[in-house]
Amino acid sequence: MEKEVKLYDTYQGKVVPFKSLVPGVVSCYYCGPTVYNYVHIGNLRPVLVFDLLYRVLTECGYKVHMISNYTDIDDKIIKKAQEEKKSEKELSDFYIQAYEDNLSKLNIASVEYHPRVSDYIPQIADFIQAIIDKGYAYKVASGDVYFSVGDDPYYGSLSKTKVDDLIAGSRVEIGDEKKSPLDFALWKNTSDTGIKFDTKIGLGRPGWHTECVVMINSYFHTPLIDIHGGGFDLKFPHHENEMAQDWAYSGQRLANFWMHVGFLELNGDKMSKSLGNVVLAKDAIAKFGGNALREFFLTTNYRSPINYTPEAMETAVTEVEKYRRLLNKFEAKFALENKDFTSDFDKGSYDEFLSFLADDLNVANALTVLEKINKKANALLRNPAASVNELSMAYNTYKKMLSVLGFAFEPMQVSEEDRKLYKDYQKAREEKDFASSDKLRPLLMEKGLL
C-alpha cells in the first residue's frame, strides 16, 4: 500500500495528490546537462531535488524508474571540440565522466539510465517525420524542419504564456524561412564541419527541444509518463516545446506532473555560465564535501530561489558535522562496549518525518522531527541507565532519516588502541582516579569516542 504523496504540478499551478499511471510504479525523467564544460553547482540543484524525490517515493512504497539525459550534440560542444582539436565524442565523454564523479560524491543513487542524444538519432528522425506527416511540422527549402507553433491550440499552457504576447514581442529575421517567429527547429540540415547524421529527413543534427521527448517515448515505451522536470529556466521554451511535440505526435502532454526547481543565485543574480558568475561543482565539493552541498540545498524549498554564499556553506558544513558526530558517538559506544544494535526504530517519529517529505518535499518540517531525535539521542547517550534497545532505536531512527535525505557517512572505526584508551578511562573513573580520567577524556573526545 503506497503512502499518500502530494506534489506541486507546474501545469495545474498547485499542490495536488500524486497518483501514478501504473499502480505502485513511477516513471520520471529530468533534463540533464549539455556536456561541453564542467557543471556549476546550480546545475546540481535539480539533481539533488530529484534524488530526494526518488528516495521519498521509494520510502512511500513506489518502485521508481528515473532517468536523466546527456545532451552530447550541441553547437557549444562542436565549438569547444574544435577549439580543443578533439572529436565531439571525446569532449562529451570527458565531461560526462567529470559529471558522474560529482554524482558519486553527492551520493546520487536514483538514476537508472543516462540516455545520450547521439544514441537516438534514428528514433529522432522517425519522430520528426511522423510530426511532419501529421501536419504539425514542415521542411523549408534549406532542409531544416520546424514545428508549427500556431497549429498547437494548447501552446503556452504549461508556462502560462500567451502566444499573442510572444508574437507581439518577436520579429522574423531577414531570410528566415519560418512561417512564424515562434516556430522552433526540430532538425538542422547543415553542411558545416560539426558532427552530423545521415537520416531519412536529411543530413544534419536534431534541434534541442526534440531529444527528451524521443528518449522518454523510447525508454518508457509510452508518450505519457508520471513526472517530468528540471530547472525553472527550462519551463519555457524547452518544456513547453517538448509538450507541444508530444501532443502533436500522440495527443498526450508528455507528463502528468511537471516539476521545476528554483534558481541558484550568487549575490542576487542567477548563477549561469553566460553571466560568468559560476562556482564549479567539482570545486565546491572538494572544498565543502558532498554532504554539505546537499544540506545547503535542502534548507530552502525546492521551488524557491536560493542564494549561494560562503557563510551559508559554512553553516551547512557545521550542520553536517553535527549529524556525523552523533552517529559516530553511537557507533563508538557500541563498539567499545561490545554491544550490537537491534533493528528497532521509532516508527511514530519516522512516519511523521516521512509525511512531511511526502507533502511536496517539505524538508523544513521534516528537519524539525530530525532535530527532536537528535536531542533525544544525545540525552540517551548521557544517561548511563539507557538500555541497548533505547539507544538502538534512537540511532536507527536518526540514521534512517538521514539516509532518506540522501546523506552518506562513513561508520566509526574503532581500533585496539582506542579500546585500550577507553578501558583505561573507565577504570580510572571506577577507581575515582580523576587526574587520570581528566587526562584521558580529551583524548577520547578528540577521537570522537565520547
Protein backbone atom coordinates (compact mmCIF):
# COMPACT_ATOMS: atom_id res chain seq x y z
CA MET A 1 0.00 0.00 0.00
CA GLU A 2 1.54 3.29 -1.10
CA LYS A 3 1.63 6.23 1.30
CA GLU A 4 -0.16 9.38 0.10
CA VAL A 5 2.13 11.81 -1.70
CA LYS A 6 1.35 15.38 -2.79
CA LEU A 7 3.39 17.33 -5.35
CA TYR A 8 3.27 20.77 -6.91
CA ASP A 9 2.37 20.41 -10.59
CA THR A 10 3.50 23.37 -12.71
CA TYR A 11 0.80 22.63 -15.30
CA GLN A 12 -2.02 22.91 -12.75
CA GLY A 13 -0.20 25.57 -10.73
CA LYS A 14 -0.91 23.96 -7.36
CA VAL A 15 -0.06 21.11 -4.99
CA VAL A 16 -2.20 18.08 -5.80
CA PRO A 17 -2.32 14.41 -4.70
CA PHE A 18 0.07 12.28 -6.71
CA LYS A 19 -1.30 9.20 -8.43
CA SER A 20 0.92 7.13 -10.71
CA LEU A 21 -0.26 5.89 -14.11
CA VAL A 22 0.66 2.33 -13.17
CA PRO A 23 -0.22 1.50 -9.55
CA GLY A 24 2.90 1.23 -7.42
CA VAL A 25 5.27 2.28 -10.24
CA VAL A 26 6.59 5.76 -11.07
CA SER A 27 8.16 6.86 -14.38
CA CYS A 28 10.26 10.01 -14.01
CA TYR A 29 12.60 11.97 -16.28
CA TYR A 30 14.52 15.15 -15.64
CA CYS A 31 16.71 17.10 -18.05
CA GLY A 32 20.43 16.59 -17.62
CA PRO A 33 23.46 18.68 -18.64
CA THR A 34 24.81 19.73 -22.01
CA VAL A 35 28.26 18.21 -21.69
CA TYR A 36 30.66 20.81 -23.05
CA ASN A 37 32.15 22.01 -19.76
CA TYR A 38 32.28 21.29 -16.03
CA VAL A 39 28.87 21.80 -14.42
CA HIS A 40 28.38 24.56 -11.83
CA ILE A 41 26.62 24.00 -8.52
CA GLY A 42 23.38 25.47 -9.87
CA ASN A 43 23.21 22.51 -12.25
CA LEU A 44 23.28 20.20 -9.23
CA ARG A 45 20.16 21.56 -7.57
CA PRO A 46 17.66 19.67 -9.79
CA VAL A 47 19.83 16.55 -9.45
CA LEU A 48 19.60 16.69 -5.65
CA VAL A 49 15.88 17.53 -5.68
CA PHE A 50 15.01 14.62 -7.95
CA ASP A 51 17.27 12.33 -5.93
CA LEU A 52 15.30 13.30 -2.82
CA LEU A 53 12.03 12.76 -4.71
CA TYR A 54 13.23 9.29 -5.70
CA ARG A 55 14.08 8.42 -2.09
CA VAL A 56 10.79 9.74 -0.72
CA LEU A 57 8.66 7.96 -3.34
CA THR A 58 10.60 4.74 -2.70
CA GLU A 59 10.02 5.03 1.06
CA CYS A 60 6.33 5.67 0.35
CA GLY A 61 6.10 2.27 -1.37
CA TYR A 62 6.68 3.04 -5.05
CA LYS A 63 9.05 1.39 -7.50
CA VAL A 64 10.65 4.40 -9.18
CA HIS A 65 12.21 4.36 -12.66
CA MET A 66 14.13 7.61 -13.03
CA ILE A 67 16.27 8.64 -15.99
CA SER A 68 18.17 11.80 -16.90
CA ASN A 69 19.78 12.55 -20.24
CA TYR A 70 23.09 13.85 -21.52
CA THR A 71 22.88 16.35 -24.37
CA ASP A 72 26.00 15.32 -26.28
CA ILE A 73 25.05 17.02 -29.58
CA ASP A 74 25.02 20.79 -29.42
CA ASP A 75 26.62 23.81 -31.12
CA LYS A 76 28.52 24.61 -27.90
CA ILE A 77 30.01 21.10 -27.87
CA ILE A 78 31.02 21.40 -31.53
CA LYS A 79 32.67 24.80 -30.93
CA LYS A 80 34.56 23.60 -27.84
CA ALA A 81 35.67 20.37 -29.54
CA GLN A 82 37.05 22.31 -32.49
CA GLU A 83 38.89 24.68 -30.16
CA GLU A 84 40.47 21.75 -28.33
CA LYS A 85 41.06 19.78 -31.55
CA LYS A 86 39.04 16.83 -30.28
CA SER A 87 36.05 14.93 -31.60
CA GLU A 88 32.68 15.79 -30.13
CA LYS A 89 32.57 12.33 -28.55
CA GLU A 90 35.98 12.72 -26.90
CA LEU A 91 34.90 16.04 -25.41
CA SER A 92 31.49 14.86 -24.23
CA ASP A 93 32.92 11.62 -22.78
CA PHE A 94 35.38 13.65 -20.71
CA TYR A 95 32.73 15.95 -19.25
CA ILE A 96 30.26 13.11 -18.70
CA GLN A 97 32.88 11.35 -16.59
CA ALA A 98 33.56 14.56 -14.65
CA TYR A 99 29.81 14.97 -14.05
CA GLU A 100 29.43 11.38 -12.87
CA ASP A 101 32.32 11.88 -10.45
CA ASN A 102 30.23 14.69 -8.92
CA LEU A 103 27.17 12.43 -8.71
CA SER A 104 29.18 9.77 -6.90
CA LYS A 105 30.46 12.27 -4.32
CA LEU A 106 26.90 13.55 -3.81
CA ASN A 107 25.60 10.02 -3.15
CA ILE A 108 23.13 10.19 -6.06
CA ALA A 109 21.53 6.75 -6.19
CA SER A 110 18.40 7.49 -8.17
CA VAL A 111 19.18 7.50 -11.90
CA GLU A 112 18.93 4.08 -13.54
CA TYR A 113 19.83 5.25 -17.04
CA HIS A 114 21.55 8.23 -18.69
CA PRO A 115 20.50 8.27 -22.37
CA ARG A 116 22.72 10.18 -24.80
CA VAL A 117 21.18 12.05 -27.71
CA SER A 118 23.74 10.58 -30.14
CA ASP A 119 22.36 7.08 -29.47
CA TYR A 120 18.81 8.04 -30.52
CA ILE A 121 19.25 9.71 -33.91
CA PRO A 122 17.18 7.16 -35.94
CA GLN A 123 14.33 7.40 -33.42
CA ILE A 124 14.52 11.22 -33.51
CA ALA A 125 14.32 11.19 -37.33
CA ASP A 126 11.31 8.84 -37.23
CA PHE A 127 9.60 11.04 -34.64
CA ILE A 128 10.15 14.24 -36.66
CA GLN A 129 8.91 12.57 -39.86
CA ALA A 130 5.76 11.46 -38.03
CA ILE A 131 5.07 15.04 -36.91
CA ILE A 132 5.61 16.28 -40.48
CA ASP A 133 3.17 13.62 -41.72
CA LYS A 134 0.59 14.75 -39.16
CA GLY A 135 0.87 18.34 -40.42
CA TYR A 136 2.41 19.92 -37.31
CA ALA A 137 5.91 20.41 -38.74
CA TYR A 138 7.29 21.48 -42.09
CA LYS A 139 10.52 21.31 -44.03
CA VAL A 140 11.86 24.51 -45.62
CA ALA A 141 13.98 24.95 -48.74
CA SER A 142 17.26 24.71 -46.82
CA GLY A 143 16.24 21.29 -45.46
CA ASP A 144 15.63 22.49 -41.89
CA VAL A 145 12.47 21.23 -40.18
CA TYR A 146 10.35 23.49 -37.96
CA PHE A 147 7.47 22.86 -35.60
CA SER A 148 4.41 24.94 -36.39
CA VAL A 149 3.52 26.54 -33.05
CA GLY A 150 0.38 28.15 -34.45
CA ASP A 151 -1.15 24.72 -35.09
CA ASP A 152 -1.00 23.76 -31.40
CA PRO A 153 -4.11 25.15 -29.65
CA TYR A 154 -2.59 24.38 -26.23
CA TYR A 155 0.77 26.09 -26.73
CA GLY A 156 1.66 28.18 -23.68
CA SER A 157 -0.50 26.17 -21.24
CA LEU A 158 2.47 24.83 -19.26
CA SER A 159 4.32 28.13 -18.82
CA LYS A 160 1.10 30.22 -18.75
CA THR A 161 2.44 32.17 -21.73
CA LYS A 162 0.12 33.85 -24.24
CA VAL A 163 1.06 33.18 -27.86
CA ASP A 164 -0.22 36.60 -28.98
CA ASP A 165 2.07 38.32 -26.48
CA LEU A 166 5.01 36.26 -27.72
CA ILE A 167 4.30 37.15 -31.34
CA ALA A 168 3.95 40.84 -30.46
CA GLY A 169 7.44 40.78 -28.92
CA SER A 170 9.05 38.84 -31.75
CA ARG A 171 10.24 39.58 -35.24
CA VAL A 172 11.20 37.46 -38.22
CA GLU A 173 14.84 37.89 -39.23
CA ILE A 174 15.64 38.72 -42.87
CA GLY A 175 15.99 35.49 -44.81
CA ASP A 176 14.20 33.49 -42.11
CA GLU A 177 12.28 30.60 -43.65
CA LYS A 178 9.98 30.08 -40.69
CA LYS A 179 6.24 30.66 -41.06
CA SER A 180 6.13 32.26 -37.61
CA PRO A 181 8.83 33.72 -35.38
CA LEU A 182 7.70 31.28 -32.66
CA ASP A 183 8.29 28.15 -34.75
CA PHE A 184 11.28 26.18 -33.45
CA ALA A 185 13.77 23.88 -35.16
CA LEU A 186 13.32 20.12 -34.94
CA TRP A 187 16.12 19.34 -37.40
CA LYS A 188 19.01 21.44 -38.69
CA ASN A 189 20.16 20.49 -42.17
CA THR A 190 23.80 21.52 -42.19
CA SER A 191 26.98 21.25 -44.19
CA ASP A 192 29.28 22.71 -41.53
CA THR A 193 32.25 20.83 -40.06
CA GLY A 194 30.39 19.77 -36.91
CA ILE A 195 29.00 16.32 -36.22
CA LYS A 196 26.05 15.39 -38.43
CA PHE A 197 23.94 12.35 -39.21
CA ASP A 198 22.53 10.97 -42.46
CA THR A 199 18.86 10.22 -41.84
CA LYS A 200 15.55 9.89 -43.66
CA ILE A 201 14.90 13.61 -43.09
CA GLY A 202 18.30 14.77 -44.30
CA LEU A 203 21.94 15.21 -43.31
CA GLY A 204 22.23 17.23 -40.15
CA ARG A 205 21.53 17.15 -36.42
CA PRO A 206 18.46 17.48 -34.19
CA GLY A 207 17.21 20.63 -32.51
CA TRP A 208 17.48 20.70 -28.72
CA HIS A 209 13.77 20.52 -27.90
CA THR A 210 13.12 17.14 -29.53
CA GLU A 211 15.62 14.86 -27.83
CA CYS A 212 13.94 14.44 -24.43
CA VAL A 213 10.52 13.62 -25.91
CA VAL A 214 12.02 10.88 -28.07
CA MET A 215 14.11 9.40 -25.27
CA ILE A 216 11.09 9.36 -22.95
CA ASN A 217 8.98 7.63 -25.60
CA SER A 218 11.78 5.17 -26.40
CA TYR A 219 12.76 4.24 -22.84
CA PHE A 220 9.36 4.11 -21.19
CA HIS A 221 7.51 2.89 -24.34
CA THR A 222 4.79 5.45 -23.73
CA PRO A 223 4.16 9.09 -24.73
CA LEU A 224 2.91 9.89 -21.19
CA ILE A 225 4.96 9.46 -18.01
CA ASP A 226 4.27 10.36 -14.41
CA ILE A 227 6.80 13.12 -13.74
CA HIS A 228 9.00 15.31 -15.92
CA GLY A 229 11.04 18.28 -14.83
CA GLY A 230 14.27 20.16 -14.41
CA GLY A 231 15.41 23.68 -13.63
CA PHE A 232 12.92 26.56 -13.57
CA ASP A 233 14.56 28.08 -16.65
CA LEU A 234 13.54 25.04 -18.72
CA LYS A 235 9.81 25.65 -18.26
CA PHE A 236 9.80 27.96 -21.27
CA PRO A 237 10.58 27.41 -24.03
CA HIS A 238 12.19 23.97 -23.59
CA HIS A 239 9.47 22.08 -21.73
CA GLU A 240 6.68 24.00 -23.45
CA ASN A 241 8.16 22.91 -26.79
CA GLU A 242 8.56 19.32 -25.62
CA MET A 243 4.94 19.16 -24.55
CA ALA A 244 3.81 20.66 -27.89
CA GLN A 245 5.67 17.99 -29.85
CA ASP A 246 4.32 15.15 -27.73
CA TRP A 247 0.79 16.46 -28.18
CA ALA A 248 1.31 16.67 -31.97
CA TYR A 249 2.75 13.15 -32.03
CA SER A 250 0.39 11.33 -29.65
CA GLY A 251 -2.27 13.65 -28.26
CA GLN A 252 -0.64 13.47 -24.80
CA ARG A 253 1.12 16.21 -22.80
CA LEU A 254 4.21 14.11 -22.02
CA ALA A 255 3.85 14.06 -18.23
CA ASN A 256 1.08 14.06 -15.64
CA PHE A 257 3.24 16.12 -13.26
CA TRP A 258 5.70 18.84 -14.23
CA MET A 259 8.22 19.77 -11.54
CA HIS A 260 10.51 22.80 -11.75
CA VAL A 261 13.36 23.64 -9.41
CA GLY A 262 14.23 27.22 -8.40
CA PHE A 263 17.35 29.10 -9.47
CA LEU A 264 20.60 29.20 -7.57
CA GLU A 265 21.71 32.80 -7.16
CA LEU A 266 25.07 34.39 -6.45
CA ASN A 267 24.70 37.83 -4.88
CA GLY A 268 21.13 38.06 -6.14
CA ASP A 269 21.84 37.09 -9.76
CA LYS A 270 21.02 33.74 -11.35
CA MET A 271 24.16 31.61 -11.50
CA SER A 272 24.92 30.84 -15.14
CA LYS A 273 27.88 30.31 -17.44
CA SER A 274 26.64 33.12 -19.71
CA LEU A 275 26.89 35.62 -16.83
CA GLY A 276 30.27 34.25 -15.82
CA ASN A 277 29.29 34.09 -12.13
CA VAL A 278 29.70 30.36 -11.60
CA VAL A 279 31.09 28.18 -8.84
CA LEU A 280 32.05 24.85 -10.35
CA ALA A 281 30.50 21.80 -8.71
CA LYS A 282 33.80 19.95 -8.51
CA ASP A 283 35.43 22.87 -6.66
CA ALA A 284 32.57 23.27 -4.18
CA ILE A 285 32.51 19.52 -3.47
CA ALA A 286 36.29 19.48 -2.98
CA LYS A 287 36.08 22.41 -0.54
CA PHE A 288 32.93 21.62 1.44
CA GLY A 289 32.06 17.97 0.70
CA GLY A 290 29.03 16.40 -0.96
CA ASN A 291 27.02 16.17 2.26
CA ALA A 292 27.38 19.91 2.92
CA LEU A 293 26.20 20.80 -0.60
CA ARG A 294 23.17 18.56 -0.09
CA GLU A 295 22.45 20.22 3.27
CA PHE A 296 22.75 23.69 1.72
CA PHE A 297 20.17 22.92 -0.96
CA LEU A 298 17.80 21.10 1.41
CA THR A 299 17.41 24.13 3.68
CA THR A 300 15.36 26.08 1.09
CA ASN A 301 12.10 24.96 -0.53
CA TYR A 302 12.99 23.38 -3.86
CA ARG A 303 10.76 25.74 -5.85
CA SER A 304 12.23 28.92 -4.34
CA PRO A 305 15.45 30.64 -5.37
CA ILE A 306 18.44 30.09 -3.09
CA ASN A 307 21.41 32.40 -2.63
CA TYR A 308 24.89 30.88 -2.52
CA THR A 309 27.30 32.44 -0.04
CA PRO A 310 30.41 31.13 1.73
CA GLU A 311 28.62 31.78 5.04
CA ALA A 312 25.68 29.59 4.03
CA MET A 313 28.07 26.81 3.05
CA GLU A 314 29.94 27.04 6.37
CA THR A 315 26.60 26.72 8.19
CA ALA A 316 25.85 23.62 6.11
CA VAL A 317 29.27 22.15 6.98
CA THR A 318 28.53 22.71 10.70
CA GLU A 319 25.12 21.00 10.47
CA VAL A 320 26.50 18.01 8.59
CA GLU A 321 29.29 17.65 11.16
CA LYS A 322 26.60 17.56 13.87
CA TYR A 323 24.87 14.67 12.08
CA ARG A 324 28.14 12.76 11.68
CA ARG A 325 29.26 13.26 15.29
CA LEU A 326 26.02 11.91 16.71
CA LEU A 327 26.09 8.78 14.54
CA ASN A 328 29.75 8.21 15.38
CA LYS A 329 29.15 8.59 19.13
CA PHE A 330 26.63 5.74 18.99
CA GLU A 331 28.89 3.59 16.82
CA ALA A 332 31.86 4.18 19.10
CA LYS A 333 29.88 3.45 22.25
CA PHE A 334 28.56 0.16 20.93
CA ALA A 335 31.94 -0.89 19.54
CA LEU A 336 33.84 -0.02 22.75
CA GLU A 337 31.27 -1.77 24.95
CA ASN A 338 30.96 -4.78 22.60
CA LYS A 339 27.24 -4.29 22.07
CA ASP A 340 25.18 -4.97 18.94
CA PHE A 341 22.48 -2.64 17.65
CA THR A 342 18.95 -4.01 17.49
CA SER A 343 16.87 -3.34 14.35
CA ASP A 344 14.18 -1.30 16.11
CA PHE A 345 13.40 2.31 15.19
CA ASP A 346 10.86 4.91 16.31
CA LYS A 347 8.08 4.27 13.79
CA GLY A 348 5.89 7.13 15.04
CA SER A 349 8.62 9.75 14.61
CA TYR A 350 9.70 8.28 11.30
CA ASP A 351 6.15 8.29 9.92
CA GLU A 352 5.78 11.95 10.93
CA PHE A 353 9.11 12.74 9.24
CA LEU A 354 8.12 10.93 6.04
CA SER A 355 4.66 12.54 5.98
CA PHE A 356 6.27 15.97 5.82
CA LEU A 357 8.55 14.90 2.97
CA ALA A 358 5.60 13.33 1.15
CA ASP A 359 3.88 16.73 1.28
CA ASP A 360 5.67 18.28 -1.73
CA LEU A 361 9.12 17.62 -0.23
CA ASN A 362 8.59 19.74 2.88
CA VAL A 363 12.15 19.35 4.16
CA ALA A 364 11.90 22.22 6.66
CA ASN A 365 9.26 20.44 8.75
CA ALA A 366 10.99 17.09 8.33
CA LEU A 367 14.18 18.59 9.78
CA THR A 368 12.28 19.65 12.92
CA VAL A 369 11.49 15.98 13.52
CA LEU A 370 15.13 15.08 12.90
CA GLU A 371 16.20 17.70 15.45
CA LYS A 372 13.85 16.18 18.08
CA ILE A 373 15.50 12.80 17.56
CA ASN A 374 18.92 14.44 17.82
CA LYS A 375 18.09 15.91 21.24
CA LYS A 376 16.58 12.66 22.47
CA ALA A 377 19.57 10.67 21.22
CA ASN A 378 22.09 12.94 22.96
CA ALA A 379 20.12 12.67 26.21
CA LEU A 380 20.22 8.87 25.97
CA LEU A 381 23.97 8.89 25.37
CA ARG A 382 24.42 10.89 28.58
CA ASN A 383 22.20 8.50 30.53
CA PRO A 384 24.21 5.56 31.97
CA ALA A 385 20.94 3.69 32.58
CA ALA A 386 19.80 3.81 28.94
CA SER A 387 19.12 0.35 27.54
CA VAL A 388 20.58 -1.15 24.39
CA ASN A 389 17.12 -1.10 22.84
CA GLU A 390 16.57 2.61 23.62
CA LEU A 391 19.98 3.53 22.24
CA SER A 392 19.48 1.38 19.14
CA MET A 393 16.07 2.87 18.46
CA ALA A 394 17.41 6.44 18.61
CA TYR A 395 20.42 5.62 16.42
CA ASN A 396 18.44 3.64 13.83
CA THR A 397 15.75 6.32 13.56
CA TYR A 398 18.28 9.12 13.13
CA LYS A 399 20.32 7.16 10.60
CA LYS A 400 17.20 6.16 8.64
CA MET A 401 16.04 9.77 8.40
CA LEU A 402 19.46 10.98 7.24
CA SER A 403 19.55 8.21 4.64
CA VAL A 404 16.19 9.29 3.17
CA LEU A 405 17.54 12.83 2.92
CA GLY A 406 20.45 11.36 0.96
CA PHE A 407 23.35 11.85 3.36
CA ALA A 408 26.14 9.29 3.41
CA PHE A 409 28.52 8.93 6.35
CA GLU A 410 31.38 6.51 6.92
CA PRO A 411 30.75 4.40 10.04
CA MET A 412 33.05 4.95 13.01
CA GLN A 413 36.09 2.66 13.04
CA VAL A 414 37.40 1.67 16.47
CA SER A 415 40.98 0.38 16.80
CA GLU A 416 42.56 -1.76 19.51
CA GLU A 417 44.40 1.35 20.70
CA ASP A 418 41.01 3.09 21.03
CA ARG A 419 39.64 0.17 23.04
CA LYS A 420 42.61 0.28 25.43
CA LEU A 421 42.28 4.04 25.87
CA TYR A 422 38.58 3.70 26.64
CA LYS A 423 39.20 0.81 29.02
CA ASP A 424 41.83 2.84 30.90
CA TYR A 425 39.42 5.75 31.11
CA GLN A 426 36.61 3.60 32.50
CA LYS A 427 38.97 2.03 35.01
CA ALA A 428 40.21 5.44 36.19
CA ARG A 429 36.62 6.59 36.70
CA GLU A 430 35.71 3.45 38.65
CA GLU A 431 38.74 3.92 40.88
CA LYS A 432 37.95 7.64 41.25
CA ASP A 433 41.33 8.46 39.76
CA PHE A 434 40.10 11.81 38.48
CA ALA A 435 43.53 13.07 37.48
CA SER A 436 43.92 10.15 35.04
CA SER A 437 40.34 10.28 33.77
CA ASP A 438 40.61 14.05 33.19
CA LYS A 439 43.75 13.42 31.15
CA LEU A 440 42.18 10.63 29.07
CA ARG A 441 38.81 12.28 28.45
CA PRO A 442 40.04 14.94 25.96
CA LEU A 443 41.97 12.26 24.05
CA LEU A 444 38.79 10.22 23.69
CA MET A 445 36.77 13.29 22.73
CA GLU A 446 39.31 14.28 20.10
CA LYS A 447 38.93 10.85 18.53
CA GLY A 448 35.14 11.16 18.64
CA LEU A 449 34.85 8.29 21.12
CA LEU A 450 32.98 10.27 23.77
